[in-house]
Amino acid sequence: KGDEAHPNYRSRLLAQEFRDGTPSLFAATPPLEALKTLFSLAVASNSKRRIGFIDIKKAHLYAKATRDVYIELPPGDCTEGMCGKLNYSLYGTRDAAHNWEKEYTNTLTAMGFTVGLSTTCVFRHAARNIDIVVHGDDFTILGTSFDIAWVHGKLAEKYELKLRGVMGSPLNPGSLSEISVLNRVVRWNSSGIEYEGDPRHAEIIISELRFK
């Protein structure tokens, strides 16, 4: 991930699974309108609520396997004639993202959240007035600083994660004013929240068309 100026290298053990004719397994992703709605709600709260950004590390590995999947073990970890059977999902298997969706949905509903009707990637905690949009392993949370800390603490009980930051209005000292989410730049200034597409796209087009 990242770019030449800010590289972000990831390395994982992957499985390679081939389609066997069975239907593909669906994993939902939220529309961009869900994230934009979250930002609109933040601005409408008159600076009382902030936006937290949490990444779950190695998310698929927390999702239990829901079918029998056998893998060839990597060199150094195998005995001749033996293979491995997955207890948890592994990146590269066809249902890993689907299983992770079930895992985080169970976690959030156990915390008191209800699942959205228009998309299963949107959650709301009515009692605490917290809204969450989940895109893969990225959790975008709208709530007070106390509420964001509560969500962070509850998720940290089950998953290894990173709180990338908490963004707030200029009236909230100590909050981030700008952050990148899903390769898009989001800024919160005195006039509201600005949402900018991936700036690298323009750079790539200029480079490919050889403009100067």
N, C-alpha and C. Protein backbone atom coordinates (compact mmCIF):
# COMPACT_ATOMS: atom_id res chain seq x y z
N LYS A 1 0.84 -1.18 0.00
CA LYS A 1 0.00 0.00 0.00
C LYS A 1 0.88 1.24 0.00
N GLY A 2 0.23 2.42 -0.01
CA GLY A 2 1.01 3.64 -0.02
C GLY A 2 1.48 3.98 -1.42
N ASP A 3 2.53 4.80 -1.51
CA ASP A 3 3.09 5.18 -2.80
C ASP A 3 4.60 5.22 -2.68
N GLU A 4 5.26 5.69 -3.74
CA GLU A 4 6.73 5.70 -3.74
C GLU A 4 7.28 6.61 -2.64
N ALA A 5 6.58 7.70 -2.37
CA ALA A 5 7.05 8.63 -1.35
C ALA A 5 6.79 8.12 0.06
N HIS A 6 5.69 7.38 0.23
CA HIS A 6 5.31 6.86 1.55
C HIS A 6 4.93 5.38 1.41
N PRO A 7 5.93 4.52 1.22
CA PRO A 7 5.62 3.09 1.04
C PRO A 7 5.11 2.46 2.33
N ASN A 8 4.22 1.49 2.17
CA ASN A 8 3.66 0.77 3.32
C ASN A 8 3.60 -0.71 2.94
N TYR A 9 4.63 -1.45 3.33
CA TYR A 9 4.74 -2.83 2.90
C TYR A 9 3.99 -3.76 3.84
N ARG A 10 3.27 -4.71 3.26
CA ARG A 10 2.56 -5.72 4.04
C ARG A 10 3.03 -7.10 3.57
N SER A 11 3.11 -8.03 4.49
CA SER A 11 3.51 -9.39 4.13
C SER A 11 2.66 -10.36 4.93
N ARG A 12 1.98 -11.27 4.26
CA ARG A 12 1.10 -12.22 4.92
C ARG A 12 1.23 -13.60 4.29
N LEU A 13 0.90 -14.62 5.07
CA LEU A 13 0.77 -15.98 4.55
C LEU A 13 -0.58 -16.08 3.86
N LEU A 14 -0.58 -16.47 2.60
CA LEU A 14 -1.81 -16.53 1.81
C LEU A 14 -2.08 -17.96 1.36
N ALA A 15 -3.36 -18.24 1.19
CA ALA A 15 -3.77 -19.49 0.56
C ALA A 15 -4.17 -19.17 -0.88
N GLN A 16 -4.00 -20.15 -1.74
CA GLN A 16 -4.44 -19.99 -3.13
C GLN A 16 -5.54 -21.01 -3.38
N GLU A 17 -6.74 -20.50 -3.55
CA GLU A 17 -7.89 -21.39 -3.72
C GLU A 17 -8.47 -21.20 -5.12
N PHE A 18 -8.84 -22.30 -5.72
CA PHE A 18 -9.39 -22.26 -7.07
C PHE A 18 -10.90 -22.46 -7.03
N ARG A 19 -11.59 -21.80 -7.91
CA ARG A 19 -13.04 -21.95 -7.97
C ARG A 19 -13.39 -23.36 -8.42
N ASP A 20 -14.40 -23.93 -7.78
CA ASP A 20 -14.79 -25.30 -8.11
C ASP A 20 -16.19 -25.38 -8.68
N GLY A 21 -16.72 -24.26 -9.13
CA GLY A 21 -18.05 -24.26 -9.72
C GLY A 21 -19.15 -23.86 -8.77
N THR A 22 -18.85 -23.78 -7.46
CA THR A 22 -19.86 -23.34 -6.50
C THR A 22 -20.03 -21.83 -6.59
N PRO A 23 -21.21 -21.32 -6.22
CA PRO A 23 -21.44 -19.87 -6.31
C PRO A 23 -20.43 -19.09 -5.47
N SER A 24 -20.11 -17.88 -5.94
CA SER A 24 -19.20 -17.03 -5.19
C SER A 24 -19.82 -16.62 -3.87
N LEU A 25 -18.98 -16.39 -2.87
CA LEU A 25 -19.44 -15.99 -1.55
C LEU A 25 -19.38 -14.47 -1.45
N PHE A 26 -20.49 -13.88 -1.06
CA PHE A 26 -20.63 -12.42 -1.09
C PHE A 26 -20.17 -11.80 0.22
N ALA A 27 -19.44 -10.70 0.12
CA ALA A 27 -19.07 -9.90 1.28
C ALA A 27 -19.43 -8.46 0.97
N ALA A 28 -20.24 -7.86 1.82
CA ALA A 28 -20.76 -6.52 1.54
C ALA A 28 -19.71 -5.45 1.77
N THR A 29 -19.81 -4.38 1.00
CA THR A 29 -19.03 -3.16 1.24
C THR A 29 -20.00 -1.99 1.18
N PRO A 30 -19.79 -0.98 2.02
CA PRO A 30 -20.75 0.13 2.06
C PRO A 30 -20.58 1.06 0.86
N PRO A 31 -21.66 1.69 0.42
CA PRO A 31 -21.52 2.72 -0.62
C PRO A 31 -20.80 3.93 -0.04
N LEU A 32 -20.18 4.71 -0.90
CA LEU A 32 -19.49 5.91 -0.42
C LEU A 32 -20.46 6.89 0.23
N GLU A 33 -21.74 6.81 -0.16
CA GLU A 33 -22.74 7.70 0.45
C GLU A 33 -22.86 7.45 1.96
N ALA A 34 -22.57 6.23 2.40
CA ALA A 34 -22.64 5.94 3.84
C ALA A 34 -21.59 6.74 4.60
N LEU A 35 -20.38 6.79 4.04
CA LEU A 35 -19.31 7.56 4.68
C LEU A 35 -19.61 9.05 4.63
N LYS A 36 -20.12 9.52 3.50
CA LYS A 36 -20.45 10.93 3.37
C LYS A 36 -21.58 11.33 4.33
N THR A 37 -22.53 10.42 4.52
CA THR A 37 -23.61 10.69 5.47
C THR A 37 -23.06 10.81 6.89
N LEU A 38 -22.09 9.97 7.21
CA LEU A 38 -21.45 10.04 8.53
C LEU A 38 -20.80 11.41 8.73
N PHE A 39 -20.13 11.90 7.70
CA PHE A 39 -19.49 13.21 7.79
C PHE A 39 -20.53 14.32 7.94
N SER A 40 -21.65 14.21 7.22
CA SER A 40 -22.71 15.22 7.33
C SER A 40 -23.29 15.24 8.74
N LEU A 41 -23.48 14.06 9.32
CA LEU A 41 -24.00 13.99 10.69
C LEU A 41 -23.01 14.61 11.68
N ALA A 42 -21.72 14.44 11.40
CA ALA A 42 -20.70 15.01 12.29
C ALA A 42 -20.78 16.53 12.28
N VAL A 43 -20.90 17.12 11.11
CA VAL A 43 -20.97 18.58 11.00
C VAL A 43 -22.26 19.10 11.63
N ALA A 44 -23.36 18.34 11.46
CA ALA A 44 -24.65 18.77 12.00
C ALA A 44 -24.71 18.69 13.52
N SER A 45 -23.74 18.01 14.13
CA SER A 45 -23.77 17.85 15.59
C SER A 45 -23.23 19.06 16.33
N ASN A 46 -22.87 20.12 15.58
CA ASN A 46 -22.35 21.35 16.19
C ASN A 46 -21.11 21.08 17.04
N SER A 47 -20.20 20.28 16.48
CA SER A 47 -18.88 19.98 17.05
C SER A 47 -18.93 19.14 18.31
N LYS A 48 -20.11 18.60 18.67
CA LYS A 48 -20.19 17.76 19.86
C LYS A 48 -19.64 16.36 19.62
N ARG A 49 -19.70 15.90 18.39
CA ARG A 49 -19.26 14.54 18.06
C ARG A 49 -18.01 14.60 17.18
N ARG A 50 -17.20 13.58 17.29
CA ARG A 50 -15.97 13.48 16.52
C ARG A 50 -15.99 12.21 15.68
N ILE A 51 -14.99 12.05 14.84
CA ILE A 51 -14.92 10.88 13.97
C ILE A 51 -13.62 10.13 14.26
N GLY A 52 -13.74 8.87 14.66
CA GLY A 52 -12.57 8.04 14.93
C GLY A 52 -12.34 7.05 13.81
N PHE A 53 -11.07 6.75 13.56
CA PHE A 53 -10.70 5.85 12.47
C PHE A 53 -9.87 4.70 13.04
N ILE A 54 -10.40 3.48 12.94
CA ILE A 54 -9.74 2.30 13.50
C ILE A 54 -9.49 1.29 12.39
N ASP A 55 -8.30 0.72 12.37
CA ASP A 55 -7.94 -0.37 11.47
C ASP A 55 -7.76 -1.64 12.29
N ILE A 56 -8.40 -2.73 11.86
CA ILE A 56 -8.19 -4.03 12.48
C ILE A 56 -7.04 -4.71 11.75
N LYS A 57 -6.03 -5.13 12.48
CA LYS A 57 -4.87 -5.77 11.86
C LYS A 57 -5.15 -7.25 11.63
N LYS A 58 -4.81 -7.72 10.43
CA LYS A 58 -4.96 -9.13 10.06
C LYS A 58 -6.38 -9.61 10.35
N ALA A 59 -7.35 -8.83 9.86
CA ALA A 59 -8.75 -9.04 10.23
C ALA A 59 -9.27 -10.43 9.89
N HIS A 60 -8.96 -10.93 8.69
CA HIS A 60 -9.53 -12.21 8.27
C HIS A 60 -9.13 -13.36 9.18
N LEU A 61 -8.00 -13.23 9.84
CA LEU A 61 -7.51 -14.33 10.68
C LEU A 61 -8.34 -14.50 11.95
N TYR A 62 -9.21 -13.53 12.25
CA TYR A 62 -10.08 -13.64 13.43
C TYR A 62 -11.39 -14.35 13.12
N ALA A 63 -11.68 -14.55 11.85
CA ALA A 63 -12.95 -15.15 11.45
C ALA A 63 -12.83 -16.67 11.40
N LYS A 64 -13.70 -17.35 12.13
CA LYS A 64 -13.66 -18.81 12.15
C LYS A 64 -14.01 -19.39 10.79
N ALA A 65 -13.34 -20.49 10.44
CA ALA A 65 -13.65 -21.18 9.19
C ALA A 65 -15.03 -21.81 9.29
N THR A 66 -15.81 -21.70 8.23
CA THR A 66 -17.17 -22.23 8.23
C THR A 66 -17.33 -23.44 7.33
N ARG A 67 -16.23 -23.91 6.76
CA ARG A 67 -16.25 -25.11 5.93
C ARG A 67 -14.88 -25.76 6.03
N ASP A 68 -14.78 -26.96 5.53
CA ASP A 68 -13.51 -27.68 5.57
C ASP A 68 -12.60 -27.17 4.46
N VAL A 69 -11.49 -26.56 4.86
CA VAL A 69 -10.50 -26.06 3.91
C VAL A 69 -9.15 -26.62 4.30
N TYR A 70 -8.50 -27.32 3.38
CA TYR A 70 -7.19 -27.91 3.63
C TYR A 70 -6.16 -27.16 2.80
N ILE A 71 -5.01 -26.91 3.39
CA ILE A 71 -3.98 -26.14 2.71
C ILE A 71 -2.65 -26.90 2.70
N GLU A 72 -1.86 -26.61 1.70
CA GLU A 72 -0.49 -27.11 1.66
C GLU A 72 0.34 -26.25 2.59
N LEU A 73 1.01 -26.85 3.52
CA LEU A 73 1.77 -26.10 4.50
C LEU A 73 3.06 -25.55 3.90
N PRO A 74 3.52 -24.41 4.37
CA PRO A 74 4.74 -23.81 3.82
C PRO A 74 5.96 -24.63 4.22
N PRO A 75 7.04 -24.52 3.46
CA PRO A 75 8.28 -25.24 3.79
C PRO A 75 8.75 -24.90 5.20
N GLY A 76 9.19 -25.91 5.92
CA GLY A 76 9.66 -25.71 7.28
C GLY A 76 8.59 -25.95 8.33
N ASP A 77 7.33 -25.96 7.91
CA ASP A 77 6.23 -26.19 8.85
C ASP A 77 5.42 -27.43 8.50
N CYS A 78 5.93 -28.27 7.65
CA CYS A 78 5.13 -29.40 7.21
C CYS A 78 5.91 -30.71 7.35
N THR A 79 5.17 -31.77 7.45
CA THR A 79 5.71 -33.13 7.45
C THR A 79 5.28 -33.79 6.16
N GLU A 80 6.14 -34.55 5.54
CA GLU A 80 5.84 -35.17 4.26
C GLU A 80 4.54 -35.97 4.33
N GLY A 81 3.67 -35.72 3.37
CA GLY A 81 2.41 -36.43 3.33
C GLY A 81 1.31 -35.80 4.17
N MET A 82 1.60 -34.69 4.84
CA MET A 82 0.62 -34.05 5.71
C MET A 82 0.19 -32.70 5.12
N CYS A 83 -0.99 -32.28 5.50
CA CYS A 83 -1.50 -30.96 5.11
C CYS A 83 -2.14 -30.32 6.33
N GLY A 84 -2.60 -29.08 6.17
CA GLY A 84 -3.22 -28.37 7.28
C GLY A 84 -4.70 -28.16 7.04
N LYS A 85 -5.47 -28.15 8.12
CA LYS A 85 -6.89 -27.83 8.04
C LYS A 85 -7.12 -26.53 8.79
N LEU A 86 -7.79 -25.58 8.14
CA LEU A 86 -7.97 -24.26 8.73
C LEU A 86 -9.03 -24.27 9.83
N ASN A 87 -8.67 -23.71 10.98
CA ASN A 87 -9.65 -23.43 12.04
C ASN A 87 -10.21 -22.02 11.88
N TYR A 88 -9.40 -21.13 11.31
CA TYR A 88 -9.81 -19.75 11.05
C TYR A 88 -9.54 -19.42 9.58
N SER A 89 -10.18 -18.37 9.11
CA SER A 89 -10.06 -17.99 7.70
C SER A 89 -8.64 -17.52 7.40
N LEU A 90 -8.22 -17.76 6.20
CA LEU A 90 -6.89 -17.35 5.75
C LEU A 90 -7.05 -16.49 4.52
N TYR A 91 -6.27 -15.43 4.45
CA TYR A 91 -6.30 -14.56 3.27
C TYR A 91 -6.08 -15.41 2.01
N GLY A 92 -6.88 -15.16 1.00
CA GLY A 92 -6.79 -15.92 -0.23
C GLY A 92 -7.89 -16.94 -0.40
N THR A 93 -8.51 -17.36 0.69
CA THR A 93 -9.64 -18.29 0.57
C THR A 93 -10.88 -17.50 0.17
N ARG A 94 -11.78 -18.15 -0.54
CA ARG A 94 -12.88 -17.45 -1.18
C ARG A 94 -13.89 -16.88 -0.20
N ASP A 95 -13.98 -17.46 0.98
CA ASP A 95 -14.99 -16.98 1.92
C ASP A 95 -14.40 -16.20 3.08
N ALA A 96 -13.13 -15.80 3.00
CA ALA A 96 -12.48 -15.10 4.11
C ALA A 96 -13.19 -13.78 4.42
N ALA A 97 -13.46 -12.97 3.41
CA ALA A 97 -14.11 -11.68 3.63
C ALA A 97 -15.53 -11.87 4.15
N HIS A 98 -16.22 -12.88 3.63
CA HIS A 98 -17.59 -13.17 4.08
C HIS A 98 -17.59 -13.58 5.55
N ASN A 99 -16.63 -14.42 5.93
CA ASN A 99 -16.55 -14.86 7.33
C ASN A 99 -16.18 -13.70 8.26
N TRP A 100 -15.32 -12.80 7.79
CA TRP A 100 -14.95 -11.64 8.61
C TRP A 100 -16.16 -10.73 8.81
N GLU A 101 -16.99 -10.58 7.79
CA GLU A 101 -18.20 -9.77 7.93
C GLU A 101 -19.10 -10.35 9.02
N LYS A 102 -19.25 -11.66 9.05
CA LYS A 102 -20.05 -12.31 10.09
C LYS A 102 -19.42 -12.09 11.47
N GLU A 103 -18.09 -12.13 11.54
CA GLU A 103 -17.39 -11.99 12.81
C GLU A 103 -17.59 -10.59 13.39
N TYR A 104 -17.34 -9.54 12.60
CA TYR A 104 -17.46 -8.20 13.18
C TYR A 104 -18.91 -7.83 13.42
N THR A 105 -19.83 -8.38 12.62
CA THR A 105 -21.26 -8.13 12.86
C THR A 105 -21.68 -8.71 14.21
N ASN A 106 -21.24 -9.93 14.50
CA ASN A 106 -21.55 -10.53 15.80
C ASN A 106 -20.96 -9.73 16.94
N THR A 107 -19.74 -9.22 16.74
CA THR A 107 -19.08 -8.43 17.79
C THR A 107 -19.84 -7.14 18.06
N LEU A 108 -20.20 -6.42 17.00
CA LEU A 108 -20.87 -5.13 17.18
C LEU A 108 -22.29 -5.29 17.73
N THR A 109 -23.01 -6.30 17.28
CA THR A 109 -24.36 -6.50 17.81
C THR A 109 -24.31 -6.90 19.27
N ALA A 110 -23.27 -7.65 19.67
CA ALA A 110 -23.12 -8.00 21.08
C ALA A 110 -22.83 -6.76 21.93
N MET A 111 -22.27 -5.72 21.31
CA MET A 111 -22.00 -4.47 22.01
C MET A 111 -23.23 -3.57 22.09
N GLY A 112 -24.31 -3.96 21.42
CA GLY A 112 -25.54 -3.17 21.47
C GLY A 112 -25.88 -2.45 20.19
N PHE A 113 -25.09 -2.66 19.13
CA PHE A 113 -25.36 -2.00 17.86
C PHE A 113 -26.43 -2.76 17.08
N THR A 114 -27.16 -2.05 16.26
CA THR A 114 -28.10 -2.66 15.32
C THR A 114 -27.55 -2.48 13.91
N VAL A 115 -27.86 -3.45 13.05
CA VAL A 115 -27.35 -3.45 11.68
C VAL A 115 -28.26 -2.60 10.80
N GLY A 116 -27.66 -1.85 9.89
CA GLY A 116 -28.43 -1.01 8.98
C GLY A 116 -29.32 -1.81 8.05
N LEU A 117 -30.42 -1.20 7.60
CA LEU A 117 -31.35 -1.87 6.70
C LEU A 117 -30.90 -1.76 5.25
N SER A 118 -30.34 -0.62 4.86
CA SER A 118 -29.96 -0.41 3.46
C SER A 118 -28.63 -1.08 3.14
N THR A 119 -27.76 -1.18 4.12
CA THR A 119 -26.48 -1.86 3.95
C THR A 119 -26.08 -2.48 5.27
N THR A 120 -25.56 -3.68 5.22
CA THR A 120 -25.18 -4.39 6.45
C THR A 120 -23.84 -3.92 6.99
N CYS A 121 -23.24 -2.91 6.37
CA CYS A 121 -21.95 -2.39 6.82
C CYS A 121 -22.10 -1.13 7.66
N VAL A 122 -23.34 -0.75 7.94
CA VAL A 122 -23.62 0.43 8.76
C VAL A 122 -24.26 -0.03 10.07
N PHE A 123 -23.79 0.54 11.19
CA PHE A 123 -24.28 0.13 12.50
C PHE A 123 -24.60 1.36 13.34
N ARG A 124 -25.59 1.20 14.22
CA ARG A 124 -25.95 2.31 15.11
C ARG A 124 -26.22 1.79 16.51
N HIS A 125 -25.68 2.51 17.48
CA HIS A 125 -25.96 2.23 18.89
C HIS A 125 -26.86 3.36 19.38
N ALA A 126 -28.17 3.09 19.47
CA ALA A 126 -29.15 4.13 19.77
C ALA A 126 -28.94 4.71 21.17
N ALA A 127 -28.66 3.87 22.14
CA ALA A 127 -28.53 4.34 23.52
C ALA A 127 -27.34 5.28 23.68
N ARG A 128 -26.24 4.99 22.99
CA ARG A 128 -25.03 5.80 23.11
C ARG A 128 -24.89 6.83 21.98
N ASN A 129 -25.80 6.77 21.00
CA ASN A 129 -25.75 7.70 19.86
C ASN A 129 -24.41 7.60 19.12
N ILE A 130 -24.04 6.36 18.76
CA ILE A 130 -22.81 6.10 18.01
C ILE A 130 -23.18 5.50 16.66
N ASP A 131 -22.55 5.97 15.62
CA ASP A 131 -22.74 5.42 14.28
C ASP A 131 -21.40 4.92 13.75
N ILE A 132 -21.43 3.77 13.06
CA ILE A 132 -20.20 3.17 12.53
C ILE A 132 -20.43 2.74 11.09
N VAL A 133 -19.45 2.99 10.24
CA VAL A 133 -19.42 2.45 8.88
C VAL A 133 -18.18 1.56 8.78
N VAL A 134 -18.38 0.33 8.34
CA VAL A 134 -17.29 -0.64 8.24
C VAL A 134 -17.00 -0.93 6.78
N HIS A 135 -15.75 -0.77 6.38
CA HIS A 135 -15.32 -1.10 5.02
C HIS A 135 -14.14 -2.06 5.14
N GLY A 136 -14.42 -3.36 5.10
CA GLY A 136 -13.35 -4.35 5.25
C GLY A 136 -12.83 -4.34 6.68
N ASP A 137 -11.59 -3.90 6.84
CA ASP A 137 -11.01 -3.83 8.18
C ASP A 137 -10.93 -2.39 8.70
N ASP A 138 -11.57 -1.45 7.98
CA ASP A 138 -11.58 -0.04 8.37
C ASP A 138 -12.91 0.30 9.05
N PHE A 139 -12.82 0.78 10.29
CA PHE A 139 -14.00 1.19 11.05
C PHE A 139 -13.97 2.72 11.19
N THR A 140 -15.00 3.38 10.70
CA THR A 140 -15.14 4.82 10.86
C THR A 140 -16.27 5.06 11.86
N ILE A 141 -15.97 5.73 12.96
CA ILE A 141 -16.88 5.82 14.10
C ILE A 141 -17.25 7.28 14.36
N LEU A 142 -18.54 7.54 14.50
CA LEU A 142 -19.02 8.87 14.84
C LEU A 142 -19.58 8.85 16.25
N GLY A 143 -19.01 9.67 17.12
CA GLY A 143 -19.48 9.75 18.51
C GLY A 143 -18.64 10.75 19.28
N THR A 144 -18.90 10.87 20.55
CA THR A 144 -18.07 11.73 21.39
C THR A 144 -16.72 11.06 21.61
N SER A 145 -15.76 11.80 22.13
CA SER A 145 -14.45 11.21 22.42
C SER A 145 -14.58 10.02 23.37
N PHE A 146 -15.47 10.14 24.34
CA PHE A 146 -15.70 9.05 25.29
C PHE A 146 -16.25 7.82 24.58
N ASP A 147 -17.20 8.03 23.65
CA ASP A 147 -17.80 6.91 22.93
C ASP A 147 -16.79 6.22 22.02
N ILE A 148 -15.97 7.02 21.34
CA ILE A 148 -14.95 6.43 20.46
C ILE A 148 -13.96 5.61 21.27
N ALA A 149 -13.59 6.12 22.44
CA ALA A 149 -12.69 5.38 23.33
C ALA A 149 -13.35 4.08 23.81
N TRP A 150 -14.65 4.12 24.04
CA TRP A 150 -15.38 2.91 24.47
C TRP A 150 -15.37 1.85 23.37
N VAL A 151 -15.66 2.26 22.13
CA VAL A 151 -15.64 1.33 21.01
C VAL A 151 -14.24 0.76 20.83
N HIS A 152 -13.24 1.63 20.90
CA HIS A 152 -11.85 1.20 20.76
C HIS A 152 -11.51 0.15 21.81
N GLY A 153 -11.90 0.39 23.05
CA GLY A 153 -11.59 -0.54 24.12
C GLY A 153 -12.28 -1.88 23.95
N LYS A 154 -13.54 -1.86 23.53
CA LYS A 154 -14.28 -3.11 23.35
C LYS A 154 -13.71 -3.93 22.19
N LEU A 155 -13.37 -3.26 21.08
CA LEU A 155 -12.79 -3.98 19.94
C LEU A 155 -11.41 -4.51 20.28
N ALA A 156 -10.65 -3.76 21.09
CA ALA A 156 -9.29 -4.18 21.46
C ALA A 156 -9.31 -5.42 22.35
N GLU A 157 -10.45 -5.72 22.96
CA GLU A 157 -10.55 -6.93 23.77
C GLU A 157 -10.50 -8.18 22.90
N LYS A 158 -10.85 -8.05 21.61
CA LYS A 158 -10.91 -9.20 20.73
C LYS A 158 -9.89 -9.17 19.60
N TYR A 159 -9.53 -7.96 19.16
CA TYR A 159 -8.69 -7.84 17.97
C TYR A 159 -7.46 -6.97 18.23
N GLU A 160 -6.44 -7.25 17.45
CA GLU A 160 -5.30 -6.34 17.41
C GLU A 160 -5.67 -5.21 16.44
N LEU A 161 -5.54 -3.99 16.88
CA LEU A 161 -6.02 -2.88 16.07
C LEU A 161 -5.15 -1.64 16.24
N LYS A 162 -5.46 -0.66 15.43
CA LYS A 162 -4.75 0.61 15.50
C LYS A 162 -5.75 1.74 15.39
N LEU A 163 -5.74 2.65 16.35
CA LEU A 163 -6.54 3.87 16.26
C LEU A 163 -5.73 4.88 15.47
N ARG A 164 -6.12 5.10 14.22
CA ARG A 164 -5.35 5.97 13.35
C ARG A 164 -5.48 7.43 13.75
N GLY A 165 -6.55 7.77 14.41
CA GLY A 165 -6.72 9.15 14.84
C GLY A 165 -8.18 9.48 15.04
N VAL A 166 -8.41 10.63 15.66
CA VAL A 166 -9.76 11.14 15.89
C VAL A 166 -9.83 12.54 15.29
N MET A 167 -10.75 12.74 14.37
CA MET A 167 -10.88 14.02 13.69
C MET A 167 -12.05 14.80 14.28
N GLY A 168 -11.85 16.09 14.50
CA GLY A 168 -12.91 16.94 15.05
C GLY A 168 -12.90 18.30 14.40
N SER A 169 -13.88 19.08 14.74
CA SER A 169 -13.98 20.43 14.20
C SER A 169 -12.90 21.31 14.82
N PRO A 170 -12.65 22.49 14.22
CA PRO A 170 -11.65 23.40 14.81
C PRO A 170 -11.99 23.81 16.24
N LEU A 171 -13.24 23.62 16.66
CA LEU A 171 -13.64 23.95 18.03
C LEU A 171 -13.22 22.89 19.03
N ASN A 172 -12.72 21.76 18.53
CA ASN A 172 -12.27 20.67 19.39
C ASN A 172 -10.74 20.63 19.38
N PRO A 173 -10.08 21.28 20.31
CA PRO A 173 -8.60 21.27 20.31
C PRO A 173 -8.07 19.87 20.55
N GLY A 174 -6.97 19.57 19.88
CA GLY A 174 -6.35 18.26 20.03
C GLY A 174 -6.82 17.23 19.03
N SER A 175 -7.84 17.55 18.23
CA SER A 175 -8.34 16.62 17.22
C SER A 175 -7.61 16.84 15.89
N LEU A 176 -7.55 15.79 15.10
CA LEU A 176 -6.97 15.91 13.76
C LEU A 176 -7.89 16.77 12.90
N SER A 177 -7.30 17.52 12.01
CA SER A 177 -8.08 18.31 11.07
C SER A 177 -8.10 17.67 9.69
N GLU A 178 -7.22 16.69 9.46
CA GLU A 178 -7.14 16.04 8.15
C GLU A 178 -6.68 14.61 8.33
N ILE A 179 -7.24 13.70 7.52
CA ILE A 179 -6.85 12.30 7.57
C ILE A 179 -7.17 11.66 6.23
N SER A 180 -6.50 10.57 5.92
CA SER A 180 -6.77 9.81 4.70
C SER A 180 -7.59 8.58 5.07
N VAL A 181 -8.70 8.38 4.37
CA VAL A 181 -9.54 7.21 4.59
C VAL A 181 -9.93 6.63 3.23
N LEU A 182 -9.65 5.35 3.06
CA LEU A 182 -9.91 4.66 1.79
C LEU A 182 -9.26 5.42 0.62
N ASN A 183 -8.04 5.89 0.86
CA ASN A 183 -7.24 6.63 -0.13
C ASN A 183 -7.87 7.96 -0.53
N ARG A 184 -8.78 8.44 0.29
CA ARG A 184 -9.38 9.75 0.05
C ARG A 184 -8.99 10.68 1.18
N VAL A 185 -8.84 11.94 0.89
CA VAL A 185 -8.43 12.92 1.89
C VAL A 185 -9.67 13.62 2.44
N VAL A 186 -9.78 13.62 3.77
CA VAL A 186 -10.92 14.26 4.44
C VAL A 186 -10.36 15.36 5.33
N ARG A 187 -10.92 16.56 5.22
CA ARG A 187 -10.50 17.70 6.04
C ARG A 187 -11.70 18.30 6.75
N TRP A 188 -11.51 18.66 8.01
CA TRP A 188 -12.57 19.32 8.78
C TRP A 188 -12.06 20.72 9.14
N ASN A 189 -12.66 21.73 8.51
CA ASN A 189 -12.26 23.11 8.77
C ASN A 189 -13.46 23.93 9.23
N SER A 190 -13.30 25.22 9.31
CA SER A 190 -14.34 26.08 9.85
C SER A 190 -15.61 26.10 9.00
N SER A 191 -15.50 25.73 7.73
CA SER A 191 -16.68 25.74 6.86
C SER A 191 -17.36 24.37 6.77
N GLY A 192 -16.76 23.35 7.38
CA GLY A 192 -17.35 22.02 7.34
C GLY A 192 -16.31 20.98 6.99
N ILE A 193 -16.76 19.86 6.42
CA ILE A 193 -15.86 18.76 6.06
C ILE A 193 -15.69 18.73 4.54
N GLU A 194 -14.44 18.75 4.11
CA GLU A 194 -14.11 18.62 2.70
C GLU A 194 -13.71 17.18 2.40
N TYR A 195 -14.16 16.67 1.26
CA TYR A 195 -13.93 15.28 0.87
C TYR A 195 -13.27 15.29 -0.50
N GLU A 196 -12.03 14.85 -0.56
CA GLU A 196 -11.26 14.91 -1.81
C GLU A 196 -10.93 13.50 -2.28
N GLY A 197 -11.11 13.25 -3.57
CA GLY A 197 -10.76 11.96 -4.14
C GLY A 197 -9.27 11.69 -4.04
N ASP A 198 -8.87 10.46 -4.31
CA ASP A 198 -7.47 10.07 -4.22
C ASP A 198 -6.62 10.99 -5.10
N PRO A 199 -5.75 11.82 -4.51
CA PRO A 199 -4.96 12.76 -5.32
C PRO A 199 -3.99 12.05 -6.26
N ARG A 200 -3.67 10.79 -5.96
CA ARG A 200 -2.74 10.06 -6.83
C ARG A 200 -3.33 9.78 -8.20
N HIS A 201 -4.67 9.75 -8.31
CA HIS A 201 -5.30 9.48 -9.59
C HIS A 201 -4.94 10.57 -10.60
N ALA A 202 -4.99 11.83 -10.17
CA ALA A 202 -4.64 12.93 -11.06
C ALA A 202 -3.16 12.85 -11.46
N GLU A 203 -2.32 12.48 -10.49
CA GLU A 203 -0.88 12.37 -10.78
C GLU A 203 -0.62 11.26 -11.80
N ILE A 204 -1.34 10.14 -11.67
CA ILE A 204 -1.17 9.03 -12.60
C ILE A 204 -1.61 9.42 -14.00
N ILE A 205 -2.76 10.11 -14.10
CA ILE A 205 -3.26 10.54 -15.41
C ILE A 205 -2.27 11.49 -16.08
N ILE A 206 -1.76 12.46 -15.31
CA ILE A 206 -0.79 13.43 -15.86
C ILE A 206 0.46 12.70 -16.35
N SER A 207 0.90 11.71 -15.56
CA SER A 207 2.10 10.96 -15.93
C SER A 207 1.86 10.11 -17.18
N GLU A 208 0.72 9.40 -17.22
CA GLU A 208 0.44 8.52 -18.34
C GLU A 208 0.23 9.29 -19.65
N LEU A 209 -0.35 10.45 -19.56
CA LEU A 209 -0.59 11.27 -20.76
C LEU A 209 0.60 12.16 -21.08
N ARG A 210 1.64 12.09 -20.23
CA ARG A 210 2.88 12.82 -20.45
C ARG A 210 2.66 14.33 -20.47
N PHE A 211 1.74 14.78 -19.62
CA PHE A 211 1.54 16.22 -19.46
C PHE A 211 2.62 16.76 -18.53
N LYS A 212 2.93 18.01 -18.66
CA LYS A 212 3.93 18.65 -17.80
C LYS A 212 3.34 19.90 -17.18
